[in-house]
C-alpha cells in the first residue's frame, strides 16, 4: 500500500497551545508498513500539570491516571526515537506536530521525521464532497469502526491510520499507482483542492505501474 513506513500520531493534551503552557497527557504512535499497522507506541504521560475538568469529561483521562503515568522525560525521547526518520501523519497534523516539537525542545531532543501528512487536508483533497472531515464522522462515512473510545489517543490514531490506508487504496484504484510514496501524500497536502485532479493526472502519467 505504501512504499515506506508512515507513523500516525495522536496526542491528548490539556489544551490547544504548548505556547500557553498546555502539555500532553497521552500519546499513540502507530507505524503503518505496507497495508497494515505493524508497531505501536502508546502511553499516558505525566507532565506534572493539572488536568482541566473539561479534558477529563472529553477524554476520560483523570488526574490520578496521569499522576501515576510514566514521566514526559521518559516518554518523549522514546516517542521521538520510535518515529525516527519515517514520514509523520496526524489528523490535523499541525496541532500534533507543534506539541511533539515543543515537548522535544523542552528536553533537548530534535525531531527527525521525514515529512508531515495531514489526513484532514488529504481527505478534503482526495475524497471531496463528504459531509464532514471530523475524524469520527469521516470514519462513519467510510465504514471505519472505532475499536476503542473516541478522544483517546490509541483509538483516534487507529481510525486515522485506517483512513490513511483507505486513501492509499483509493489513489491506487483511481490512478493505477501501486504502492504509494509517502512523498506523494505530503505533496497532495500542498496542492490547492481544486488542482488535485490535474496534479494527480500528471503524477500518474509519470509513475503509473
Protein backbone atom coordinates (compact mmCIF):
# COMPACT_ATOMS: atom_id res chain seq x y z
CA UNK A 1 0.00 0.00 0.00
CA UNK A 2 2.78 2.46 0.95
CA UNK A 3 6.32 2.30 -0.38
CA UNK A 4 7.82 3.14 3.01
CA UNK A 5 6.52 3.31 6.58
CA UNK A 6 4.36 6.17 7.85
CA UNK A 7 3.78 6.84 11.56
CA UNK A 8 0.29 8.01 12.54
CA UNK A 9 0.43 10.16 15.68
CA UNK A 10 -2.25 11.31 18.09
CA UNK A 11 -1.89 13.27 21.32
CA UNK A 12 -4.37 14.01 24.05
CA UNK A 13 -3.45 17.30 25.73
CA UNK A 14 -4.51 19.71 28.46
CA UNK A 15 -5.42 22.36 25.88
CA UNK A 16 -4.73 23.75 22.44
CA UNK A 17 -1.40 25.53 22.71
CA UNK A 18 2.01 24.50 24.06
CA UNK A 19 2.93 28.20 23.90
CA UNK A 20 0.28 28.78 26.58
CA UNK A 21 1.65 26.05 28.80
CA UNK A 22 -0.54 23.18 27.64
CA UNK A 23 1.06 19.73 27.82
CA UNK A 24 0.48 16.23 26.51
CA UNK A 25 -1.40 13.68 28.63
CA UNK A 26 -1.43 10.67 26.30
CA UNK A 27 0.29 9.60 23.08
CA UNK A 28 -0.27 6.93 20.46
CA UNK A 29 2.08 6.42 17.52
CA UNK A 30 1.20 3.65 15.06
CA UNK A 31 3.62 2.60 12.35
CA UNK A 32 1.96 1.68 9.05
CA UNK A 33 4.04 -0.52 6.76
CA UNK A 34 2.67 -1.91 3.54
CA UNK A 35 -1.05 -2.21 4.14
CA UNK A 36 -1.26 -2.64 7.91
CA UNK A 37 -0.34 -1.32 11.33
CA UNK A 38 2.81 -3.18 12.35
CA UNK A 39 4.05 -1.44 15.51
CA UNK A 40 2.65 0.77 18.29
CA UNK A 41 3.95 3.16 20.92
CA UNK A 42 1.17 4.06 23.38
CA UNK A 43 1.42 5.69 26.80
CA UNK A 44 -0.22 8.05 29.23
CA UNK A 45 2.15 10.89 30.13
CA UNK A 46 2.88 12.58 33.44
CA UNK A 47 3.88 16.16 32.61
CA UNK A 48 3.38 17.39 36.17
CA UNK A 49 0.39 19.56 35.29
CA UNK A 50 -3.24 19.81 36.36
CA UNK A 51 -5.83 18.15 34.13
CA UNK A 52 -8.74 20.56 33.49
CA UNK A 53 -12.14 19.10 34.31
CA UNK A 54 -13.40 19.61 30.76
CA UNK A 55 -10.50 17.50 29.46
CA UNK A 56 -11.43 14.71 31.84
CA UNK A 57 -15.06 14.99 30.66
CA UNK A 58 -13.96 14.83 27.00
CA UNK A 59 -11.30 12.12 27.20
CA UNK A 60 -11.90 10.24 30.45
CA UNK A 61 -8.26 10.90 31.41
CA UNK A 62 -8.16 11.78 35.11
CA UNK A 63 -5.57 13.48 37.31
CA UNK A 64 -4.83 10.19 39.04
CA UNK A 65 -4.19 8.47 35.70
CA UNK A 66 -1.50 10.95 34.66
CA UNK A 67 -0.02 11.32 38.15
CA UNK A 68 0.86 7.61 38.10
CA UNK A 69 1.86 7.54 34.39
CA UNK A 70 5.44 7.47 33.00
CA UNK A 71 7.17 10.85 33.12
CA UNK A 72 7.40 13.03 30.00
CA UNK A 73 11.19 12.89 30.42
CA UNK A 74 10.97 9.17 29.63
CA UNK A 75 8.08 9.09 27.15
CA UNK A 76 9.05 11.91 24.79
CA UNK A 77 12.58 10.68 23.92
CA UNK A 78 11.19 7.17 23.39
CA UNK A 79 8.46 8.58 21.14
CA UNK A 80 10.88 10.62 19.03
CA UNK A 81 13.12 7.57 18.69
CA UNK A 82 10.10 5.43 17.70
CA UNK A 83 9.14 7.87 14.92
CA UNK A 84 12.73 8.15 13.77
CA UNK A 85 13.11 9.31 10.18
CA UNK A 86 9.77 7.99 8.92
CA UNK A 87 7.09 10.26 7.49
CA UNK A 88 4.75 11.52 10.23
CA UNK A 89 0.97 11.76 9.83
CA UNK A 90 -1.83 13.02 12.05
CA UNK A 91 -5.42 14.18 11.75
CA UNK A 92 -4.99 17.97 11.94
CA UNK A 93 -1.25 17.39 11.81
CA UNK A 94 -0.06 20.91 12.66
CA UNK A 95 -1.61 20.51 16.14
CA UNK A 96 0.17 17.26 16.94
CA UNK A 97 3.48 18.29 15.38
CA UNK A 98 3.66 21.53 17.37
CA UNK A 99 3.19 19.57 20.61
CA UNK A 100 5.77 16.99 19.54
CA UNK A 101 8.32 19.68 18.75
CA UNK A 102 7.56 21.64 21.93
CA UNK A 103 7.89 18.59 24.15
CA UNK A 104 11.08 17.55 22.38
CA UNK A 105 12.57 21.04 22.68
CA UNK A 106 11.97 21.05 26.44
CA UNK A 107 14.20 18.01 26.72
CA UNK A 108 16.71 18.88 24.02
CA UNK A 109 15.51 16.16 21.62
CA UNK A 110 15.09 17.23 17.99
CA UNK A 111 12.50 15.53 15.78
CA UNK A 112 13.79 13.70 12.71
CA UNK A 113 10.63 12.76 10.78
CA UNK A 114 10.97 12.95 7.01
CA UNK A 115 7.79 14.88 6.23
CA UNK A 116 4.32 15.67 7.56
CA UNK A 117 0.96 14.44 6.24
CA UNK A 118 -2.30 15.94 7.49
CA UNK A 119 -5.09 13.42 6.99
CA UNK A 120 -7.72 16.18 7.26
CA UNK A 121 -6.24 18.10 4.32
CA UNK A 122 -5.57 14.86 2.46
CA UNK A 123 -9.17 13.68 2.87
CA UNK A 124 -10.56 17.00 1.64
CA UNK A 125 -8.42 16.79 -1.49
CA UNK A 126 -8.70 13.08 -2.31
CA UNK A 127 -12.25 12.42 -1.05
CA UNK A 128 -14.16 15.65 -1.82
CA UNK A 129 -17.84 16.09 -1.14
CA UNK A 130 -18.13 14.23 2.16
CA UNK A 131 -20.46 15.81 4.74
CA UNK A 132 -17.73 16.28 7.37
CA UNK A 133 -13.99 15.78 7.76
CA UNK A 134 -14.01 15.44 11.53
CA UNK A 135 -12.42 12.10 12.36
CA UNK A 136 -15.49 10.42 13.85
CA UNK A 137 -17.81 11.50 11.05
CA UNK A 138 -15.24 10.61 8.38
CA UNK A 139 -14.96 7.15 9.91
CA UNK A 140 -18.72 6.70 9.79
CA UNK A 141 -18.90 7.89 6.17
CA UNK A 142 -16.21 5.42 5.12
CA UNK A 143 -17.32 2.49 7.28
CA UNK A 144 -14.24 2.59 9.53
CA UNK A 145 -15.11 1.35 13.03
CA UNK A 146 -13.71 2.73 16.29
CA UNK A 147 -12.26 -0.16 18.28
CA UNK A 148 -11.81 1.88 21.44
CA UNK A 149 -13.06 5.13 22.94
CA UNK A 150 -13.07 8.27 20.80
CA UNK A 151 -10.87 11.06 22.17
CA UNK A 152 -8.36 8.55 23.50
CA UNK A 153 -5.06 8.59 21.66
CA UNK A 154 -4.81 4.97 20.52
CA UNK A 155 -8.40 4.73 19.29
CA UNK A 156 -8.14 8.01 17.36
CA UNK A 157 -4.74 7.10 15.89
CA UNK A 158 -6.00 3.70 14.79
CA UNK A 159 -9.00 5.18 12.98
CA UNK A 160 -6.77 7.81 11.36
CA UNK A 161 -4.34 5.08 10.27
CA UNK A 162 -7.16 3.14 8.61
CA UNK A 163 -8.30 6.38 6.96
CA UNK A 164 -4.81 6.81 5.52
CA UNK A 165 -4.87 3.22 4.25
CA UNK A 166 -8.28 3.88 2.67
CA UNK A 167 -6.82 6.91 0.87
CA UNK A 168 -3.85 4.86 -0.31
CA UNK A 169 -6.16 2.21 -1.78
CA UNK A 170 -8.29 4.92 -3.38
CA UNK A 171 -5.27 6.53 -5.06
CA UNK A 172 -4.10 3.17 -6.38
CA UNK A 173 -7.56 2.27 -7.69
CA UNK A 174 -8.09 5.69 -9.27
CA UNK A 175 -4.66 6.17 -10.84
CA UNK A 176 -3.04 2.71 -11.01
CA UNK A 177 -0.09 3.73 -8.86
CA UNK A 178 0.64 0.53 -6.97
CA UNK A 179 2.41 1.25 -3.64
CA UNK A 180 2.04 4.95 -2.81
CA UNK A 181 5.11 7.01 -1.91
CA UNK A 182 4.74 8.96 1.35
CA UNK A 183 6.16 11.96 -0.51
CA UNK A 184 3.07 11.94 -2.73
CA UNK A 185 0.80 12.37 0.30
CA UNK A 186 2.97 15.25 1.53
CA UNK A 187 2.79 16.84 -1.93
CA UNK A 188 -1.00 16.49 -2.21
CA UNK A 189 -1.33 18.33 1.12
CA UNK A 190 0.35 21.33 -0.51
CA UNK A 191 -1.80 21.43 -3.65
CA UNK A 192 -4.97 23.56 -3.72
CA UNK A 193 -8.00 21.29 -3.54
CA UNK A 194 -9.34 22.25 -6.97
CA UNK A 195 -6.00 21.48 -8.64
CA UNK A 196 -5.56 17.98 -7.20
CA UNK A 197 -7.17 16.06 -10.12
CA UNK A 198 -4.85 17.73 -12.62
CA UNK A 199 -1.86 17.25 -10.34
CA UNK A 200 -2.68 13.55 -9.96
CA UNK A 201 -3.14 13.05 -13.70
CA UNK A 202 0.36 14.41 -14.35
CA UNK A 203 1.86 12.41 -11.47
CA UNK A 204 0.16 9.19 -12.55
CA UNK A 205 1.37 9.58 -16.13
CA UNK A 206 4.93 9.54 -14.80
CA UNK A 207 4.56 6.92 -12.07
CA UNK A 208 1.76 4.57 -13.13
CA UNK A 209 2.81 0.95 -12.61
